[in-house]
Amino acid sequence: MNEQTKSYSWLPWLISISIIVLIGTLASYYSWNWYRYVLDPWTAANGLATIVAINEFGQGIADVGPHWEYRLQALASLITIFVIGPSLWIYGELKNEKKSADDEAHLKKGFVWYVGAILICGGLVFAVPATITKGIVFNNTWESAAQIPKCG
């Protein structure tokens, strides 16, 4: 490799993030909801909690149904985000490391690497805001509880 060639190790990540932004833009423009089944376990969990609450308040009876479709959707999303995505990414890294030791090898990532990186980035798009929101709600709950005067 000559000295005029630059090494851009961040370029594959930029491509992965650009693909996530493109998919997100197209999904919002065309009202696609399929990505939620793959990357968003919180929508399924919120749907289940909403169904249980409506049944309990509407009928006065606690809902004890298993609601397997929501539970399986949330489980599949969690496995996709936290197991399949990182596994594909690591597999792609190992495969790329074995394939070539030259400086341009990091630009020639395989399809598996890109799928793993896209799943990781897409999962973070949903996981980070959900975690922050959960922390804020938890903190506000304790602050509200502290303001309630105690009886007795």
N, C-alpha and C. Protein backbone atom coordinates (compact mmCIF):
# COMPACT_ATOMS: atom_id res chain seq x y z
N MET A 1 0.85 -1.18 0.00
CA MET A 1 0.00 0.00 0.00
C MET A 1 0.89 1.23 0.00
N ASN A 2 0.61 2.17 -0.88
CA ASN A 2 1.44 3.36 -0.89
C ASN A 2 0.94 4.37 0.13
N GLU A 3 1.71 5.39 0.34
CA GLU A 3 1.40 6.34 1.41
C GLU A 3 0.25 7.28 1.05
N GLN A 4 -0.11 7.35 -0.23
CA GLN A 4 -1.19 8.24 -0.63
C GLN A 4 -2.57 7.65 -0.32
N THR A 5 -2.64 6.36 -0.11
CA THR A 5 -3.92 5.71 0.19
C THR A 5 -4.22 5.86 1.67
N LYS A 6 -5.37 6.39 1.98
CA LYS A 6 -5.76 6.56 3.37
C LYS A 6 -6.57 5.36 3.83
N SER A 7 -6.53 5.13 5.11
CA SER A 7 -7.28 4.02 5.70
C SER A 7 -8.48 4.59 6.45
N TYR A 8 -9.67 4.21 6.03
CA TYR A 8 -10.90 4.70 6.67
C TYR A 8 -11.58 3.54 7.38
N SER A 9 -11.20 3.31 8.63
CA SER A 9 -11.79 2.18 9.37
C SER A 9 -13.23 2.47 9.79
N TRP A 10 -13.64 3.71 9.79
CA TRP A 10 -14.99 4.08 10.22
C TRP A 10 -16.00 3.99 9.07
N LEU A 11 -15.53 3.82 7.85
CA LEU A 11 -16.42 3.82 6.69
C LEU A 11 -17.48 2.72 6.71
N PRO A 12 -17.14 1.46 7.05
CA PRO A 12 -18.21 0.45 7.10
C PRO A 12 -19.30 0.78 8.13
N TRP A 13 -18.92 1.38 9.26
CA TRP A 13 -19.93 1.77 10.26
C TRP A 13 -20.80 2.90 9.73
N LEU A 14 -20.20 3.83 9.00
CA LEU A 14 -20.98 4.91 8.41
C LEU A 14 -21.97 4.37 7.39
N ILE A 15 -21.55 3.38 6.62
CA ILE A 15 -22.46 2.76 5.66
C ILE A 15 -23.61 2.07 6.39
N SER A 16 -23.31 1.35 7.47
CA SER A 16 -24.35 0.66 8.24
C SER A 16 -25.35 1.64 8.84
N ILE A 17 -24.84 2.71 9.42
CA ILE A 17 -25.73 3.71 10.01
C ILE A 17 -26.55 4.40 8.93
N SER A 18 -25.95 4.66 7.77
CA SER A 18 -26.69 5.26 6.66
C SER A 18 -27.82 4.36 6.18
N ILE A 19 -27.57 3.06 6.15
CA ILE A 19 -28.63 2.11 5.76
C ILE A 19 -29.76 2.12 6.78
N ILE A 20 -29.43 2.20 8.07
CA ILE A 20 -30.46 2.28 9.12
C ILE A 20 -31.28 3.56 8.95
N VAL A 21 -30.62 4.68 8.70
CA VAL A 21 -31.35 5.95 8.50
C VAL A 21 -32.24 5.85 7.27
N LEU A 22 -31.74 5.26 6.19
CA LEU A 22 -32.53 5.10 4.97
C LEU A 22 -33.75 4.22 5.23
N ILE A 23 -33.55 3.09 5.90
CA ILE A 23 -34.68 2.19 6.21
C ILE A 23 -35.69 2.90 7.11
N GLY A 24 -35.20 3.62 8.13
CA GLY A 24 -36.10 4.35 9.02
C GLY A 24 -36.89 5.43 8.30
N THR A 25 -36.23 6.14 7.39
CA THR A 25 -36.91 7.18 6.62
C THR A 25 -37.97 6.58 5.71
N LEU A 26 -37.61 5.52 5.00
CA LEU A 26 -38.58 4.86 4.13
C LEU A 26 -39.72 4.26 4.93
N ALA A 27 -39.41 3.69 6.09
CA ALA A 27 -40.45 3.08 6.92
C ALA A 27 -41.43 4.13 7.42
N SER A 28 -40.94 5.30 7.81
CA SER A 28 -41.86 6.34 8.28
C SER A 28 -42.64 6.96 7.12
N TYR A 29 -42.01 7.07 5.96
CA TYR A 29 -42.69 7.66 4.80
C TYR A 29 -43.79 6.74 4.27
N TYR A 30 -43.50 5.45 4.21
CA TYR A 30 -44.46 4.50 3.66
C TYR A 30 -45.27 3.77 4.72
N SER A 31 -45.14 4.17 5.98
CA SER A 31 -45.87 3.58 7.11
C SER A 31 -45.63 2.07 7.22
N TRP A 32 -44.38 1.66 7.09
CA TRP A 32 -44.03 0.26 7.27
C TRP A 32 -43.92 -0.02 8.76
N ASN A 33 -44.48 -1.11 9.21
CA ASN A 33 -44.37 -1.49 10.61
C ASN A 33 -43.63 -2.80 10.81
N TRP A 34 -43.12 -3.40 9.72
CA TRP A 34 -42.45 -4.70 9.82
C TRP A 34 -41.18 -4.63 10.64
N TYR A 35 -40.48 -3.49 10.63
CA TYR A 35 -39.23 -3.40 11.38
C TYR A 35 -39.47 -3.48 12.89
N ARG A 36 -40.67 -3.12 13.32
CA ARG A 36 -40.98 -3.22 14.75
C ARG A 36 -41.04 -4.66 15.22
N TYR A 37 -41.43 -5.56 14.32
CA TYR A 37 -41.49 -6.97 14.69
C TYR A 37 -40.09 -7.57 14.84
N VAL A 38 -39.11 -6.95 14.19
CA VAL A 38 -37.75 -7.47 14.21
C VAL A 38 -36.92 -6.82 15.31
N LEU A 39 -37.04 -5.51 15.49
CA LEU A 39 -36.12 -4.77 16.34
C LEU A 39 -36.74 -4.11 17.57
N ASP A 40 -38.03 -4.21 17.75
CA ASP A 40 -38.65 -3.44 18.83
C ASP A 40 -39.47 -4.31 19.77
N PRO A 41 -38.85 -4.87 20.81
CA PRO A 41 -39.62 -5.69 21.76
C PRO A 41 -40.51 -4.86 22.67
N TRP A 42 -40.25 -3.56 22.79
CA TRP A 42 -41.01 -2.73 23.70
C TRP A 42 -42.42 -2.45 23.19
N THR A 43 -42.60 -2.42 21.89
CA THR A 43 -43.95 -2.25 21.35
C THR A 43 -44.83 -3.44 21.72
N ALA A 44 -44.29 -4.64 21.60
CA ALA A 44 -45.05 -5.84 21.98
C ALA A 44 -45.35 -5.84 23.47
N ALA A 45 -44.36 -5.45 24.28
CA ALA A 45 -44.58 -5.41 25.74
C ALA A 45 -45.62 -4.35 26.11
N ASN A 46 -45.56 -3.19 25.46
CA ASN A 46 -46.56 -2.15 25.72
C ASN A 46 -47.94 -2.58 25.26
N GLY A 47 -48.01 -3.29 24.13
CA GLY A 47 -49.31 -3.80 23.66
C GLY A 47 -49.90 -4.79 24.63
N LEU A 48 -49.07 -5.67 25.17
CA LEU A 48 -49.54 -6.64 26.15
C LEU A 48 -50.01 -5.95 27.42
N ALA A 49 -49.24 -4.97 27.90
CA ALA A 49 -49.63 -4.25 29.10
C ALA A 49 -50.93 -3.47 28.88
N THR A 50 -51.12 -2.93 27.69
CA THR A 50 -52.35 -2.19 27.38
C THR A 50 -53.55 -3.12 27.35
N ILE A 51 -53.40 -4.29 26.74
CA ILE A 51 -54.51 -5.26 26.69
C ILE A 51 -54.90 -5.71 28.09
N VAL A 52 -53.92 -5.98 28.92
CA VAL A 52 -54.19 -6.42 30.29
C VAL A 52 -54.90 -5.30 31.06
N ALA A 53 -54.44 -4.06 30.91
CA ALA A 53 -55.05 -2.94 31.62
C ALA A 53 -56.48 -2.69 31.16
N ILE A 54 -56.72 -2.75 29.86
CA ILE A 54 -58.08 -2.53 29.34
C ILE A 54 -59.03 -3.60 29.86
N ASN A 55 -58.59 -4.85 29.82
CA ASN A 55 -59.45 -5.93 30.32
C ASN A 55 -59.72 -5.79 31.81
N GLU A 56 -58.70 -5.39 32.57
CA GLU A 56 -58.88 -5.28 34.02
C GLU A 56 -59.80 -4.12 34.38
N PHE A 57 -59.62 -2.98 33.76
CA PHE A 57 -60.44 -1.83 34.09
C PHE A 57 -61.81 -1.89 33.42
N GLY A 58 -61.87 -2.47 32.24
CA GLY A 58 -63.14 -2.54 31.52
C GLY A 58 -64.08 -3.56 32.11
N GLN A 59 -63.57 -4.74 32.44
CA GLN A 59 -64.41 -5.81 32.94
C GLN A 59 -64.30 -5.99 34.44
N GLY A 60 -63.31 -5.36 35.05
CA GLY A 60 -63.10 -5.52 36.48
C GLY A 60 -62.46 -6.84 36.84
N ILE A 61 -61.98 -7.56 35.84
CA ILE A 61 -61.36 -8.87 36.07
C ILE A 61 -59.93 -8.82 35.56
N ALA A 62 -59.02 -9.30 36.36
CA ALA A 62 -57.62 -9.33 35.93
C ALA A 62 -57.47 -10.32 34.77
N ASP A 63 -56.75 -9.89 33.74
CA ASP A 63 -56.52 -10.72 32.57
C ASP A 63 -55.35 -11.66 32.85
N VAL A 64 -55.60 -12.94 32.81
CA VAL A 64 -54.54 -13.92 33.07
C VAL A 64 -54.22 -14.74 31.83
N GLY A 65 -54.68 -14.29 30.67
CA GLY A 65 -54.40 -15.00 29.42
C GLY A 65 -52.91 -14.95 29.09
N PRO A 66 -52.40 -15.97 28.41
CA PRO A 66 -50.96 -16.00 28.14
C PRO A 66 -50.50 -15.00 27.07
N HIS A 67 -51.37 -14.66 26.11
CA HIS A 67 -51.02 -13.72 25.03
C HIS A 67 -49.67 -14.09 24.42
N TRP A 68 -49.59 -15.31 23.91
CA TRP A 68 -48.33 -15.83 23.39
C TRP A 68 -47.79 -15.04 22.21
N GLU A 69 -48.65 -14.46 21.38
CA GLU A 69 -48.17 -13.74 20.21
C GLU A 69 -47.31 -12.54 20.61
N TYR A 70 -47.73 -11.83 21.66
CA TYR A 70 -46.95 -10.68 22.12
C TYR A 70 -45.66 -11.13 22.81
N ARG A 71 -45.76 -12.17 23.60
CA ARG A 71 -44.57 -12.67 24.31
C ARG A 71 -43.53 -13.21 23.33
N LEU A 72 -43.97 -13.95 22.31
CA LEU A 72 -43.04 -14.49 21.34
C LEU A 72 -42.43 -13.40 20.46
N GLN A 73 -43.22 -12.39 20.14
CA GLN A 73 -42.69 -11.27 19.36
C GLN A 73 -41.60 -10.54 20.15
N ALA A 74 -41.84 -10.28 21.42
CA ALA A 74 -40.84 -9.60 22.25
C ALA A 74 -39.59 -10.46 22.40
N LEU A 75 -39.77 -11.77 22.63
CA LEU A 75 -38.62 -12.67 22.76
C LEU A 75 -37.81 -12.73 21.47
N ALA A 76 -38.49 -12.84 20.34
CA ALA A 76 -37.79 -12.89 19.05
C ALA A 76 -37.02 -11.59 18.80
N SER A 77 -37.60 -10.47 19.16
CA SER A 77 -36.91 -9.19 18.99
C SER A 77 -35.67 -9.10 19.86
N LEU A 78 -35.80 -9.52 21.11
CA LEU A 78 -34.64 -9.49 22.02
C LEU A 78 -33.53 -10.42 21.54
N ILE A 79 -33.89 -11.59 21.06
CA ILE A 79 -32.88 -12.52 20.54
C ILE A 79 -32.22 -11.93 19.29
N THR A 80 -33.00 -11.29 18.44
CA THR A 80 -32.44 -10.68 17.23
C THR A 80 -31.46 -9.57 17.58
N ILE A 81 -31.85 -8.70 18.52
CA ILE A 81 -31.02 -7.55 18.87
C ILE A 81 -29.77 -7.96 19.64
N PHE A 82 -29.92 -8.81 20.63
CA PHE A 82 -28.82 -9.06 21.56
C PHE A 82 -28.06 -10.35 21.31
N VAL A 83 -28.54 -11.23 20.42
CA VAL A 83 -27.83 -12.48 20.15
C VAL A 83 -27.44 -12.57 18.67
N ILE A 84 -28.41 -12.51 17.78
CA ILE A 84 -28.14 -12.72 16.36
C ILE A 84 -27.28 -11.59 15.78
N GLY A 85 -27.64 -10.34 16.05
CA GLY A 85 -26.88 -9.20 15.52
C GLY A 85 -25.41 -9.23 15.93
N PRO A 86 -25.12 -9.28 17.24
CA PRO A 86 -23.71 -9.35 17.64
C PRO A 86 -22.99 -10.61 17.15
N SER A 87 -23.69 -11.73 17.08
CA SER A 87 -23.06 -12.96 16.58
C SER A 87 -22.66 -12.83 15.12
N LEU A 88 -23.54 -12.27 14.30
CA LEU A 88 -23.21 -12.06 12.89
C LEU A 88 -22.06 -11.07 12.73
N TRP A 89 -22.07 -10.04 13.54
CA TRP A 89 -21.02 -9.03 13.47
C TRP A 89 -19.66 -9.64 13.84
N ILE A 90 -19.62 -10.39 14.93
CA ILE A 90 -18.37 -11.03 15.36
C ILE A 90 -17.92 -12.06 14.33
N TYR A 91 -18.85 -12.85 13.81
CA TYR A 91 -18.51 -13.83 12.77
C TYR A 91 -17.91 -13.13 11.55
N GLY A 92 -18.51 -12.02 11.14
CA GLY A 92 -17.98 -11.26 10.01
C GLY A 92 -16.59 -10.70 10.29
N GLU A 93 -16.37 -10.23 11.51
CA GLU A 93 -15.05 -9.73 11.88
C GLU A 93 -14.01 -10.84 11.84
N LEU A 94 -14.34 -11.99 12.40
CA LEU A 94 -13.39 -13.12 12.41
C LEU A 94 -13.10 -13.61 10.99
N LYS A 95 -14.15 -13.69 10.19
CA LYS A 95 -13.97 -14.13 8.80
C LYS A 95 -13.11 -13.14 8.02
N ASN A 96 -13.33 -11.86 8.24
CA ASN A 96 -12.56 -10.83 7.57
C ASN A 96 -11.11 -10.83 8.05
N GLU A 97 -10.90 -11.09 9.32
CA GLU A 97 -9.54 -11.13 9.87
C GLU A 97 -8.74 -12.29 9.30
N LYS A 98 -9.39 -13.44 9.12
CA LYS A 98 -8.71 -14.60 8.55
C LYS A 98 -8.44 -14.42 7.05
N LYS A 99 -9.37 -13.73 6.37
CA LYS A 99 -9.29 -13.62 4.91
C LYS A 99 -8.07 -12.82 4.46
N SER A 100 -7.83 -11.70 5.12
CA SER A 100 -6.78 -10.83 4.62
C SER A 100 -6.17 -10.04 5.77
N ALA A 101 -4.88 -9.84 5.68
CA ALA A 101 -4.19 -9.08 6.71
C ALA A 101 -3.75 -7.71 6.20
N ASP A 102 -4.09 -7.36 4.97
CA ASP A 102 -3.67 -6.06 4.46
C ASP A 102 -4.52 -4.94 5.04
N ASP A 103 -4.09 -3.70 4.82
CA ASP A 103 -4.74 -2.56 5.45
C ASP A 103 -6.11 -2.24 4.87
N GLU A 104 -6.40 -2.69 3.65
CA GLU A 104 -7.69 -2.39 3.04
C GLU A 104 -8.75 -3.45 3.36
N ALA A 105 -8.41 -4.44 4.16
CA ALA A 105 -9.37 -5.52 4.47
C ALA A 105 -10.56 -5.01 5.26
N HIS A 106 -10.35 -3.98 6.06
CA HIS A 106 -11.46 -3.48 6.86
C HIS A 106 -12.52 -2.79 6.00
N LEU A 107 -12.17 -2.41 4.79
CA LEU A 107 -13.16 -1.82 3.89
C LEU A 107 -13.94 -2.88 3.13
N LYS A 108 -13.44 -4.09 3.09
CA LYS A 108 -14.08 -5.17 2.34
C LYS A 108 -14.80 -6.12 3.29
N LYS A 109 -15.65 -5.60 4.09
CA LYS A 109 -16.43 -6.42 5.01
C LYS A 109 -17.43 -7.24 4.21
N GLY A 110 -17.76 -8.40 4.72
CA GLY A 110 -18.71 -9.26 4.03
C GLY A 110 -20.15 -8.88 4.34
N PHE A 111 -21.05 -9.53 3.62
CA PHE A 111 -22.49 -9.29 3.81
C PHE A 111 -22.93 -9.59 5.24
N VAL A 112 -22.37 -10.65 5.81
CA VAL A 112 -22.74 -11.04 7.18
C VAL A 112 -22.36 -9.95 8.16
N TRP A 113 -21.21 -9.32 7.97
CA TRP A 113 -20.77 -8.25 8.86
C TRP A 113 -21.76 -7.08 8.80
N TYR A 114 -22.17 -6.72 7.58
CA TYR A 114 -23.09 -5.61 7.44
C TYR A 114 -24.46 -5.91 8.06
N VAL A 115 -24.95 -7.13 7.90
CA VAL A 115 -26.23 -7.49 8.51
C VAL A 115 -26.12 -7.40 10.03
N GLY A 116 -25.04 -7.92 10.60
CA GLY A 116 -24.84 -7.84 12.05
C GLY A 116 -24.72 -6.41 12.53
N ALA A 117 -23.95 -5.59 11.82
CA ALA A 117 -23.79 -4.18 12.21
C ALA A 117 -25.11 -3.43 12.11
N ILE A 118 -25.89 -3.72 11.07
CA ILE A 118 -27.19 -3.05 10.91
C ILE A 118 -28.14 -3.47 12.03
N LEU A 119 -28.14 -4.74 12.40
CA LEU A 119 -28.99 -5.19 13.50
C LEU A 119 -28.57 -4.55 14.83
N ILE A 120 -27.27 -4.43 15.05
CA ILE A 120 -26.78 -3.80 16.28
C ILE A 120 -27.19 -2.33 16.32
N CYS A 121 -26.92 -1.60 15.24
CA CYS A 121 -27.27 -0.17 15.19
C CYS A 121 -28.78 0.03 15.28
N GLY A 122 -29.53 -0.78 14.55
CA GLY A 122 -30.99 -0.67 14.61
C GLY A 122 -31.54 -1.00 15.98
N GLY A 123 -30.97 -2.00 16.64
CA GLY A 123 -31.39 -2.33 17.99
C GLY A 123 -31.09 -1.22 18.97
N LEU A 124 -29.94 -0.56 18.80
CA LEU A 124 -29.59 0.55 19.68
C LEU A 124 -30.54 1.73 19.49
N VAL A 125 -31.04 1.90 18.27
CA VAL A 125 -32.00 2.98 18.02
C VAL A 125 -33.23 2.83 18.91
N PHE A 126 -33.64 1.57 19.16
CA PHE A 126 -34.79 1.33 20.01
C PHE A 126 -34.41 1.16 21.48
N ALA A 127 -33.27 0.55 21.76
CA ALA A 127 -32.91 0.21 23.15
C ALA A 127 -32.51 1.43 23.96
N VAL A 128 -31.74 2.33 23.40
CA VAL A 128 -31.25 3.48 24.17
C VAL A 128 -32.39 4.41 24.60
N PRO A 129 -33.27 4.85 23.70
CA PRO A 129 -34.37 5.71 24.16
C PRO A 129 -35.31 5.01 25.14
N ALA A 130 -35.55 3.72 24.94
CA ALA A 130 -36.43 2.98 25.86
C ALA A 130 -35.81 2.91 27.25
N THR A 131 -34.51 2.69 27.33
CA THR A 131 -33.83 2.62 28.61
C THR A 131 -33.82 3.98 29.31
N ILE A 132 -33.56 5.03 28.57
CA ILE A 132 -33.56 6.38 29.15
C ILE A 132 -34.96 6.73 29.65
N THR A 133 -35.98 6.44 28.85
CA THR A 133 -37.36 6.74 29.26
C THR A 133 -37.73 5.96 30.52
N LYS A 134 -37.34 4.68 30.57
CA LYS A 134 -37.65 3.86 31.74
C LYS A 134 -36.98 4.45 32.99
N GLY A 135 -35.74 4.91 32.87
CA GLY A 135 -35.04 5.53 34.00
C GLY A 135 -35.71 6.81 34.46
N ILE A 136 -36.16 7.63 33.52
CA ILE A 136 -36.83 8.89 33.87
C ILE A 136 -38.15 8.59 34.57
N VAL A 137 -38.93 7.65 34.04
CA VAL A 137 -40.21 7.29 34.66
C VAL A 137 -39.98 6.72 36.05
N PHE A 138 -38.98 5.87 36.22
CA PHE A 138 -38.66 5.29 37.52
C PHE A 138 -38.29 6.39 38.52
N ASN A 139 -37.46 7.34 38.09
CA ASN A 139 -37.06 8.44 38.97
C ASN A 139 -38.26 9.31 39.33
N ASN A 140 -39.10 9.64 38.35
CA ASN A 140 -40.28 10.47 38.61
C ASN A 140 -41.27 9.78 39.55
N THR A 141 -41.37 8.46 39.44
CA THR A 141 -42.27 7.71 40.32
C THR A 141 -41.82 7.83 41.77
N TRP A 142 -40.53 7.69 42.01
CA TRP A 142 -40.02 7.80 43.38
C TRP A 142 -40.14 9.23 43.90
N GLU A 143 -39.91 10.22 43.03
CA GLU A 143 -40.07 11.61 43.46
C GLU A 143 -41.53 11.91 43.79
N SER A 144 -42.46 11.40 43.01
CA SER A 144 -43.88 11.61 43.27
C SER A 144 -44.30 10.91 44.56
N ALA A 145 -43.78 9.73 44.78
CA ALA A 145 -44.11 8.99 45.99
C ALA A 145 -43.58 9.69 47.23
N ALA A 146 -42.45 10.36 47.11
CA ALA A 146 -41.87 11.07 48.26
C ALA A 146 -42.69 12.30 48.62
N GLN A 147 -43.45 12.86 47.70
CA GLN A 147 -44.24 14.05 47.96
C GLN A 147 -45.59 13.75 48.60
N ILE A 148 -46.01 12.51 48.61
CA ILE A 148 -47.29 12.14 49.19
C ILE A 148 -47.17 12.17 50.71
N PRO A 149 -48.07 12.91 51.37
CA PRO A 149 -48.00 12.95 52.84
C PRO A 149 -48.35 11.59 53.45
N LYS A 150 -47.64 11.25 54.51
CA LYS A 150 -47.86 9.97 55.15
C LYS A 150 -48.99 10.09 56.17
N CYS A 151 -49.80 9.05 56.25
CA CYS A 151 -50.93 9.01 57.18
C CYS A 151 -50.44 8.55 58.55
N GLY A 152 -51.05 9.04 59.54
CA GLY A 152 -50.86 8.49 60.87
C GLY A 152 -49.85 9.13 61.64
